[in-house]
N, C-alpha and C. Protein backbone atom coordinates (compact mmCIF):
# COMPACT_ATOMS: atom_id res chain seq x y z
N MET A 1 0.77 -1.24 0.07
CA MET A 1 -0.27 0.11 0.17
C MET A 1 1.02 1.48 -0.12
N THR A 2 0.59 2.45 -0.88
CA THR A 2 1.39 3.39 -0.60
C THR A 2 0.57 4.41 -0.24
N ASN A 3 1.63 5.46 0.33
CA ASN A 3 0.86 6.76 0.91
C ASN A 3 0.61 7.57 -0.06
N PRO A 4 -0.40 8.15 -0.15
CA PRO A 4 -0.91 9.23 -0.78
C PRO A 4 -0.04 10.58 -0.69
N ILE A 5 0.61 11.12 -1.50
CA ILE A 5 1.29 12.48 -1.60
C ILE A 5 0.36 13.80 -0.98
N PRO A 6 0.75 14.10 0.02
CA PRO A 6 0.08 15.21 0.62
C PRO A 6 -0.13 16.62 -0.23
N THR A 7 -1.44 17.10 -0.65
CA THR A 7 -1.46 18.48 -1.43
C THR A 7 -1.71 19.69 -0.81
N PRO A 8 -1.20 20.62 -1.13
CA PRO A 8 -1.10 21.80 -0.27
C PRO A 8 -2.70 21.98 -0.50
N THR A 9 -3.20 22.59 0.57
CA THR A 9 -4.55 23.05 0.87
C THR A 9 -4.61 24.46 0.91
N THR A 10 -5.45 25.40 0.55
CA THR A 10 -5.51 26.58 0.76
C THR A 10 -6.50 27.16 2.11
N PRO A 11 -5.86 27.76 2.85
CA PRO A 11 -6.44 28.15 3.98
C PRO A 11 -7.87 28.73 3.79
N PRO A 12 -8.54 28.37 4.62
CA PRO A 12 -10.10 28.96 4.71
C PRO A 12 -9.81 30.18 5.09
N ALA A 13 -10.86 31.27 4.21
CA ALA A 13 -10.72 32.67 4.57
C ALA A 13 -11.49 33.12 5.78
N PRO A 14 -10.71 34.13 6.43
CA PRO A 14 -11.12 34.71 7.72
C PRO A 14 -12.89 34.85 7.68
N LYS A 15 -13.66 34.46 8.83
CA LYS A 15 -14.65 34.81 8.90
C LYS A 15 -15.18 36.05 9.04
N ASN A 16 -14.43 36.86 9.16
CA ASN A 16 -14.78 38.31 9.19
C ASN A 16 -13.35 39.33 9.06
N PRO A 17 -13.39 39.20 7.59
CA PRO A 17 -12.26 39.94 6.90
C PRO A 17 -12.27 41.28 7.21
N VAL A 18 -10.73 41.96 7.79
CA VAL A 18 -11.02 43.48 8.06
C VAL A 18 -10.59 43.96 6.34
N PRO A 19 -11.46 44.77 5.99
CA PRO A 19 -10.95 45.42 4.65
C PRO A 19 -9.60 46.48 4.86
N PRO A 20 -9.03 46.37 4.12
CA PRO A 20 -7.63 47.23 4.05
C PRO A 20 -8.00 48.81 4.18
N VAL A 21 -7.56 49.57 4.75
CA VAL A 21 -7.84 51.13 4.93
C VAL A 21 -6.96 51.50 4.12
N ALA A 22 -8.08 52.42 3.22
CA ALA A 22 -7.46 53.31 2.21
C ALA A 22 -7.13 54.57 2.64
N ARG A 23 -5.57 54.93 2.15
CA ARG A 23 -5.47 56.45 2.66
C ARG A 23 -6.27 57.61 2.18
N SER A 24 -6.33 58.72 2.67
CA SER A 24 -7.04 59.70 2.15
C SER A 24 -6.44 60.26 1.05
N PRO A 25 -7.15 60.10 0.02
CA PRO A 25 -6.68 60.61 -1.54
C PRO A 25 -6.19 62.10 -1.56
N ILE A 26 -6.56 63.08 -0.47
CA ILE A 26 -5.96 64.36 -0.52
C ILE A 26 -4.48 64.53 -0.25
N LEU A 27 -4.05 63.18 0.53
CA LEU A 27 -2.69 63.17 0.82
C LEU A 27 -1.64 63.49 0.10
N GLN A 28 -1.97 62.98 -1.26
CA GLN A 28 -1.15 62.87 -2.55
C GLN A 28 -0.87 64.30 -2.94
N PHE A 29 -1.48 65.31 -2.29
CA PHE A 29 -1.33 66.96 -2.49
C PHE A 29 -0.32 67.59 -1.53
N PHE A 30 0.15 66.78 -0.55
CA PHE A 30 0.88 67.24 0.61
C PHE A 30 2.58 66.75 0.01
N ALA A 31 2.36 66.68 -1.09
CA ALA A 31 3.83 66.01 -1.77
C ALA A 31 4.96 67.21 -1.90
N TYR A 32 5.84 67.29 -1.54
CA TYR A 32 7.12 68.29 -1.69
C TYR A 32 8.32 67.82 -2.43
N SER A 33 8.55 66.73 -2.68
CA SER A 33 9.90 66.49 -3.40
C SER A 33 10.13 67.19 -4.52
N HIS A 34 8.87 67.55 -5.16
CA HIS A 34 9.25 68.64 -6.72
C HIS A 34 9.40 69.88 -6.29
N LEU A 35 9.32 70.43 -5.32
CA LEU A 35 9.55 72.03 -4.95
C LEU A 35 10.94 72.16 -4.77
N PRO A 36 11.62 73.53 -4.99
CA PRO A 36 12.63 73.84 -4.56
C PRO A 36 13.12 73.88 -2.98
N PRO A 37 14.20 73.34 -2.71
CA PRO A 37 14.80 73.49 -1.45
C PRO A 37 13.73 74.34 -0.31
N HIS A 38 14.21 75.77 -0.88
CA HIS A 38 13.08 76.60 -0.16
C HIS A 38 11.89 76.83 0.45
N LEU A 39 10.84 75.99 -0.78
CA LEU A 39 9.76 75.77 -0.33
C LEU A 39 9.47 74.54 0.18
N GLN A 40 10.41 73.50 0.17
CA GLN A 40 10.21 72.14 0.76
C GLN A 40 10.27 72.33 2.38
N ASP A 41 11.19 73.15 2.80
CA ASP A 41 11.16 73.24 4.39
C ASP A 41 9.64 73.91 4.94
N VAL A 42 9.10 74.64 4.10
CA VAL A 42 7.59 74.96 4.59
C VAL A 42 6.78 73.88 4.48
N SER A 43 6.80 73.19 3.24
CA SER A 43 5.77 72.32 2.82
C SER A 43 5.96 70.87 3.48
N SER A 44 7.16 70.68 3.79
CA SER A 44 7.47 69.28 4.48
C SER A 44 6.84 69.15 6.17
N GLU A 45 7.12 70.73 6.81
CA GLU A 45 6.22 70.56 8.20
C GLU A 45 4.93 70.40 8.09
N ILE A 46 4.32 70.68 6.89
CA ILE A 46 2.81 70.64 7.10
C ILE A 46 2.35 69.31 6.63
N ALA A 47 3.21 68.56 5.53
CA ALA A 47 3.07 67.34 5.09
C ALA A 47 2.97 66.53 6.15
N ALA A 48 4.12 66.65 7.37
CA ALA A 48 4.39 65.78 8.60
C ALA A 48 2.92 65.64 9.45
N ILE A 49 2.20 66.77 9.56
CA ILE A 49 1.28 66.65 10.14
C ILE A 49 0.19 66.16 9.56
N ALA A 50 0.21 66.32 8.27
CA ALA A 50 -0.65 65.74 7.81
C ALA A 50 -0.92 64.24 7.65
N GLU A 51 0.19 63.83 7.74
CA GLU A 51 0.54 62.26 7.83
C GLU A 51 0.16 61.76 9.00
N ARG A 52 0.87 62.68 10.29
CA ARG A 52 0.15 62.07 11.75
C ARG A 52 -1.14 61.71 11.67
N MET A 53 -2.07 63.15 11.36
CA MET A 53 -3.68 63.08 11.45
C MET A 53 -3.99 61.97 10.84
N GLU A 54 -3.47 61.37 9.52
CA GLU A 54 -3.95 60.19 8.74
C GLU A 54 -3.58 58.96 9.44
N ALA A 55 -2.66 58.95 10.45
CA ALA A 55 -2.21 57.60 11.13
C ALA A 55 -3.11 58.04 12.27
N ILE A 56 -3.33 58.62 13.14
CA ILE A 56 -3.98 58.73 14.23
C ILE A 56 -5.54 58.74 14.01
N LEU A 57 -6.10 59.19 13.16
CA LEU A 57 -7.49 59.75 13.06
C LEU A 57 -8.40 58.53 12.48
N PRO A 58 -9.71 58.15 12.80
CA PRO A 58 -10.43 57.24 11.97
C PRO A 58 -10.74 58.42 10.76
N SER A 59 -11.45 57.35 9.47
CA SER A 59 -11.78 58.04 8.81
C SER A 59 -12.96 58.47 9.29
N SER A 60 -13.44 60.12 8.53
CA SER A 60 -14.30 60.68 8.86
C SER A 60 -14.64 61.77 7.85
N ALA A 61 -15.79 62.50 7.98
CA ALA A 61 -15.88 63.54 7.36
C ALA A 61 -15.15 64.73 7.98
N GLU A 62 -14.99 64.78 9.38
CA GLU A 62 -14.33 65.71 10.22
C GLU A 62 -12.77 65.57 9.44
N LYS A 63 -12.29 64.34 9.51
CA LYS A 63 -10.98 64.17 9.20
C LYS A 63 -10.78 64.62 7.73
N SER A 64 -11.41 64.60 6.75
CA SER A 64 -11.41 64.86 5.17
C SER A 64 -11.32 66.54 5.20
N ALA A 65 -12.44 67.20 5.89
CA ALA A 65 -12.56 68.44 6.12
C ALA A 65 -10.80 69.13 6.52
N GLY A 66 -10.68 68.57 7.71
CA GLY A 66 -9.42 68.95 8.58
C GLY A 66 -8.20 69.07 7.44
N LEU A 67 -7.73 68.00 6.71
CA LEU A 67 -6.64 67.47 5.75
C LEU A 67 -7.12 68.82 4.52
N ARG A 68 -8.11 68.86 4.13
CA ARG A 68 -8.48 69.92 3.28
C ARG A 68 -8.08 71.19 3.62
N LYS A 69 -8.58 71.74 4.79
CA LYS A 69 -8.36 73.05 5.70
C LYS A 69 -6.60 73.05 5.62
N LEU A 70 -6.14 72.00 5.86
CA LEU A 70 -4.69 72.20 6.29
C LEU A 70 -3.91 72.35 4.96
N LEU A 71 -4.23 71.71 3.92
CA LEU A 71 -3.96 71.82 2.27
C LEU A 71 -4.15 73.48 2.32
N GLU A 72 -5.17 73.76 2.50
CA GLU A 72 -5.46 75.48 2.18
C GLU A 72 -4.25 76.14 2.66
N ALA A 73 -4.25 75.60 4.34
CA ALA A 73 -3.04 76.31 4.90
C ALA A 73 -1.37 76.39 4.34
N LYS A 74 -1.43 75.21 3.88
CA LYS A 74 0.24 74.62 3.33
C LYS A 74 0.35 75.72 2.27
N ASP A 75 -0.80 75.75 1.17
CA ASP A 75 -0.79 76.61 0.18
C ASP A 75 -0.46 78.30 0.48
N CYS A 76 -0.85 78.59 1.90
CA CYS A 76 -0.48 80.03 2.46
C CYS A 76 0.66 80.10 2.65
N PHE A 77 0.98 79.08 3.20
CA PHE A 77 2.43 79.24 3.74
C PHE A 77 3.33 79.17 2.66
N VAL A 78 3.27 78.50 1.87
CA VAL A 78 4.00 78.65 0.36
C VAL A 78 3.90 79.72 -0.04
N ARG A 79 3.01 80.46 -0.36
CA ARG A 79 2.73 81.68 -0.93
C ARG A 79 3.42 82.91 0.23
N ALA A 80 3.45 82.66 0.86
CA ALA A 80 4.11 83.25 1.86
C ALA A 80 5.54 83.53 1.99
N ARG A 81 6.02 82.38 1.46
CA ARG A 81 7.49 81.97 1.42
C ARG A 81 7.81 82.62 0.24
N LEU A 82 7.04 82.68 -0.85
CA LEU A 82 7.23 83.27 -2.15
C LEU A 82 6.86 84.97 -1.94
N GLU A 83 6.29 85.40 -1.12
CA GLU A 83 5.74 86.72 -1.19
C GLU A 83 6.91 87.62 -1.57
N LYS A 84 7.07 88.53 -2.45
CA LYS A 84 7.81 89.75 -2.60
C LYS A 84 7.77 90.63 -1.50
N LYS A 85 9.04 91.39 -0.89
CA LYS A 85 8.82 92.24 0.34
C LYS A 85 9.06 93.61 -0.43
């Protein structure tokens, strides 16, 4: 009598799979590597705050609104750096 060769089996799917958490799409607009160095220093500070808020807050309308307002603030700070005196 020969022993059958064991075949790998696919493990059963989890009963309550947790869907992957999508990153907020607005985070793409906090990128700063394309900016010249004198604008990167301003923009990178705001990008760090945006990433921190993304990490610690749950998805919600208020988080989206806060990130949108933070993006508006970042734009203002960058323009302030560009302002002629």
